[in-house]
Amino acid sequence: MVRVEVIANRSVEENILDAIRFENVGKFYTKYPNILGIGNSGPRMGDAIWPEENFIFVFWCEDEELSSIERAVAYVKKKFPNEGIKMFSLPGARIHAQIDEELAETGQTGE
């Protein structure tokens, strides 16, 4: 499995979701709204001086889906090059629920 994080300005949130849906991947995700910070595209602080905010989508996908998510994010980034769109992936991730199931099969517990 791969953990994919997409960080961008809130103004392109729907564009990113639409592009990922078009690729027919990323059906399950977690969204962190109202993310504040400073990156290469400048401050996003949600205040009177720096009013913009970011969001983060976290997708868990199989390796085969990764290129489709990359394609979707690249498409939106090309359309909106100044919106601070970034994508990170962490390959080799393992969902701990699977570990619990494997332990249960062997009669062990995770405690």
C-alpha atoms as a PDB file:
ATOM      1  CA  MET A   1       0.000   0.000   0.000  1.00  0.00           C
ATOM      2  CA  VAL A   2       0.971   3.599  -0.527  1.00  0.00           C
ATOM      3  CA  ARG A   3       0.036   6.599   1.585  1.00  0.00           C
ATOM      4  CA  VAL A   4      -0.466   9.614  -0.670  1.00  0.00           C
ATOM      5  CA  GLU A   5      -0.752  13.148   0.674  1.00  0.00           C
ATOM      6  CA  VAL A   6      -1.961  16.000  -1.519  1.00  0.00           C
ATOM      7  CA  ILE A   7      -1.511  19.484  -0.070  1.00  0.00           C
ATOM      8  CA  ALA A   8      -2.904  22.542  -1.854  1.00  0.00           C
ATOM      9  CA  ASN A   9      -4.710  25.840  -1.561  1.00  0.00           C
ATOM     10  CA  ARG A  10      -8.375  25.388  -0.661  1.00  0.00           C
ATOM     11  CA  SER A  11      -9.342  27.092  -3.930  1.00  0.00           C
ATOM     12  CA  VAL A  12      -8.468  23.934  -5.921  1.00  0.00           C
ATOM     13  CA  GLU A  13      -9.945  21.323  -3.583  1.00  0.00           C
ATOM     14  CA  GLU A  14     -12.882  20.407  -5.832  1.00  0.00           C
ATOM     15  CA  ASN A  15     -10.676  20.428  -8.924  1.00  0.00           C
ATOM     16  CA  ILE A  16      -8.378  17.852  -7.344  1.00  0.00           C
ATOM     17  CA  LEU A  17     -11.265  15.634  -6.232  1.00  0.00           C
ATOM     18  CA  ASP A  18     -12.873  15.862  -9.689  1.00  0.00           C
ATOM     19  CA  ALA A  19      -9.600  14.903 -11.408  1.00  0.00           C
ATOM     20  CA  ILE A  20      -9.073  11.951  -9.058  1.00  0.00           C
ATOM     21  CA  ARG A  21     -12.659  10.790  -9.577  1.00  0.00           C
ATOM     22  CA  PHE A  22     -12.130  11.055 -13.340  1.00  0.00           C
ATOM     23  CA  GLU A  23      -9.200   8.637 -12.964  1.00  0.00           C
ATOM     24  CA  ASN A  24     -11.540   6.342 -10.984  1.00  0.00           C
ATOM     25  CA  VAL A  25      -9.159   6.056  -8.016  1.00  0.00           C
ATOM     26  CA  GLY A  26      -8.941   7.470  -4.517  1.00  0.00           C
ATOM     27  CA  LYS A  27     -12.476   6.563  -3.508  1.00  0.00           C
ATOM     28  CA  PHE A  28     -11.544   6.585   0.176  1.00  0.00           C
ATOM     29  CA  TYR A  29      -9.640   9.445   1.720  1.00  0.00           C
ATOM     30  CA  THR A  30      -9.220  11.613   4.779  1.00  0.00           C
ATOM     31  CA  LYS A  31      -9.409  15.375   4.478  1.00  0.00           C
ATOM     32  CA  TYR A  32      -7.673  17.779   6.824  1.00  0.00           C
ATOM     33  CA  PRO A  33      -9.312  21.175   6.233  1.00  0.00           C
ATOM     34  CA  ASN A  34      -7.960  24.588   7.180  1.00  0.00           C
ATOM     35  CA  ILE A  35      -4.250  23.750   7.194  1.00  0.00           C
ATOM     36  CA  LEU A  36      -1.962  26.659   8.043  1.00  0.00           C
ATOM     37  CA  GLY A  37       1.723  26.976   7.280  1.00  0.00           C
ATOM     38  CA  ILE A  38       4.471  28.356   5.093  1.00  0.00           C
ATOM     39  CA  GLY A  39       5.717  26.587   1.996  1.00  0.00           C
ATOM     40  CA  ASN A  40       7.339  27.396  -1.321  1.00  0.00           C
ATOM     41  CA  SER A  41       4.169  29.189  -2.429  1.00  0.00           C
ATOM     42  CA  GLY A  42       4.188  31.514   0.569  1.00  0.00           C
ATOM     43  CA  PRO A  43       2.284  31.758   3.846  1.00  0.00           C
ATOM     44  CA  ARG A  44      -1.209  30.346   4.250  1.00  0.00           C
ATOM     45  CA  MET A  45      -2.239  31.550   7.702  1.00  0.00           C
ATOM     46  CA  GLY A  46      -5.995  32.173   7.438  1.00  0.00           C
ATOM     47  CA  ASP A  47      -5.684  35.631   8.955  1.00  0.00           C
ATOM     48  CA  ALA A  48      -6.092  39.231   7.766  1.00  0.00           C
ATOM     49  CA  ILE A  49      -2.510  39.446   6.481  1.00  0.00           C
ATOM     50  CA  TRP A  50      -2.218  35.989   4.887  1.00  0.00           C
ATOM     51  CA  PRO A  51      -5.895  34.988   4.417  1.00  0.00           C
ATOM     52  CA  GLU A  52      -5.487  31.833   2.355  1.00  0.00           C
ATOM     53  CA  GLU A  53      -5.572  28.319   3.812  1.00  0.00           C
ATOM     54  CA  ASN A  54      -4.520  24.909   2.565  1.00  0.00           C
ATOM     55  CA  PHE A  55      -6.057  21.475   2.930  1.00  0.00           C
ATOM     56  CA  ILE A  56      -4.593  17.984   2.890  1.00  0.00           C
ATOM     57  CA  PHE A  57      -6.094  14.865   1.342  1.00  0.00           C
ATOM     58  CA  VAL A  58      -4.643  11.553   2.506  1.00  0.00           C
ATOM     59  CA  PHE A  59      -5.310   8.585   0.241  1.00  0.00           C
ATOM     60  CA  TRP A  60      -4.378   4.968   0.864  1.00  0.00           C
ATOM     61  CA  CYS A  61      -4.027   3.112  -2.404  1.00  0.00           C
ATOM     62  CA  GLU A  62      -2.468   0.131  -4.053  1.00  0.00           C
ATOM     63  CA  ASP A  63       0.746   0.670  -6.003  1.00  0.00           C
ATOM     64  CA  GLU A  64      -1.176   0.342  -9.273  1.00  0.00           C
ATOM     65  CA  GLU A  65      -3.348   3.379  -8.419  1.00  0.00           C
ATOM     66  CA  LEU A  66      -0.447   5.686  -7.627  1.00  0.00           C
ATOM     67  CA  SER A  67       0.252   6.702 -11.231  1.00  0.00           C
ATOM     68  CA  SER A  68      -3.425   7.580 -11.746  1.00  0.00           C
ATOM     69  CA  ILE A  69      -3.411   9.836  -8.684  1.00  0.00           C
ATOM     70  CA  GLU A  70      -0.150  11.411  -9.881  1.00  0.00           C
ATOM     71  CA  ARG A  71      -1.732  12.049 -13.291  1.00  0.00           C
ATOM     72  CA  ALA A  72      -4.797  13.671 -11.720  1.00  0.00           C
ATOM     73  CA  VAL A  73      -2.740  15.933  -9.460  1.00  0.00           C
ATOM     74  CA  ALA A  74      -0.393  16.882 -12.325  1.00  0.00           C
ATOM     75  CA  TYR A  75      -3.395  17.828 -14.465  1.00  0.00           C
ATOM     76  CA  VAL A  76      -4.720  20.213 -11.802  1.00  0.00           C
ATOM     77  CA  LYS A  77      -1.251  21.574 -11.055  1.00  0.00           C
ATOM     78  CA  LYS A  78      -0.806  22.408 -14.742  1.00  0.00           C
ATOM     79  CA  LYS A  79      -4.141  24.269 -14.756  1.00  0.00           C
ATOM     80  CA  PHE A  80      -3.375  26.109 -11.500  1.00  0.00           C
ATOM     81  CA  PRO A  81       0.420  26.448 -11.251  1.00  0.00           C
ATOM     82  CA  ASN A  82       0.362  29.080  -8.488  1.00  0.00           C
ATOM     83  CA  GLU A  83      -1.811  27.266  -5.936  1.00  0.00           C
ATOM     84  CA  GLY A  84       0.975  25.429  -4.098  1.00  0.00           C
ATOM     85  CA  ILE A  85      -0.154  21.939  -5.120  1.00  0.00           C
ATOM     86  CA  LYS A  86       2.190  19.282  -3.733  1.00  0.00           C
ATOM     87  CA  MET A  87       1.964  15.502  -3.620  1.00  0.00           C
ATOM     88  CA  PHE A  88       3.940  13.147  -1.401  1.00  0.00           C
ATOM     89  CA  SER A  89       3.824   9.366  -1.278  1.00  0.00           C
ATOM     90  CA  LEU A  90       5.124   6.902   1.281  1.00  0.00           C
ATOM     91  CA  PRO A  91       5.406   3.440  -0.264  1.00  0.00           C
ATOM     92  CA  GLY A  92       5.440   0.239   1.689  1.00  0.00           C
ATOM     93  CA  ALA A  93       2.889   1.372   4.235  1.00  0.00           C
ATOM     94  CA  ARG A  94       0.973  -1.235   6.169  1.00  0.00           C
ATOM     95  CA  ILE A  95      -2.422  -0.879   7.761  1.00  0.00           C
ATOM     96  CA  HIS A  96      -2.249  -1.989  11.376  1.00  0.00           C
ATOM     97  CA  ALA A  97      -5.696  -3.589  11.236  1.00  0.00           C
ATOM     98  CA  GLN A  98      -4.112  -6.188   8.959  1.00  0.00           C
ATOM     99  CA  ILE A  99      -1.479  -6.844  11.604  1.00  0.00           C
ATOM    100  CA  ASP A 100      -4.212  -7.388  14.201  1.00  0.00           C
ATOM    101  CA  GLU A 101      -5.966  -9.868  11.887  1.00  0.00           C
ATOM    102  CA  GLU A 102      -2.716 -11.787  11.329  1.00  0.00           C
ATOM    103  CA  LEU A 103      -2.045 -11.925  15.072  1.00  0.00           C
ATOM    104  CA  ALA A 104      -5.571 -13.182  15.707  1.00  0.00           C
ATOM    105  CA  GLU A 105      -5.046 -15.981  13.182  1.00  0.00           C
ATOM    106  CA  THR A 106      -1.970 -17.134  15.111  1.00  0.00           C
ATOM    107  CA  GLY A 107      -3.655 -16.782  18.497  1.00  0.00           C
ATOM    108  CA  GLN A 108      -1.483 -13.859  19.541  1.00  0.00           C
ATOM    109  CA  THR A 109      -2.616 -10.413  20.574  1.00  0.00           C
ATOM    110  CA  GLY A 110      -1.173  -7.037  19.788  1.00  0.00           C
ATOM    111  CA  GLU A 111      -1.225  -5.981  23.429  1.00  0.00           C
END
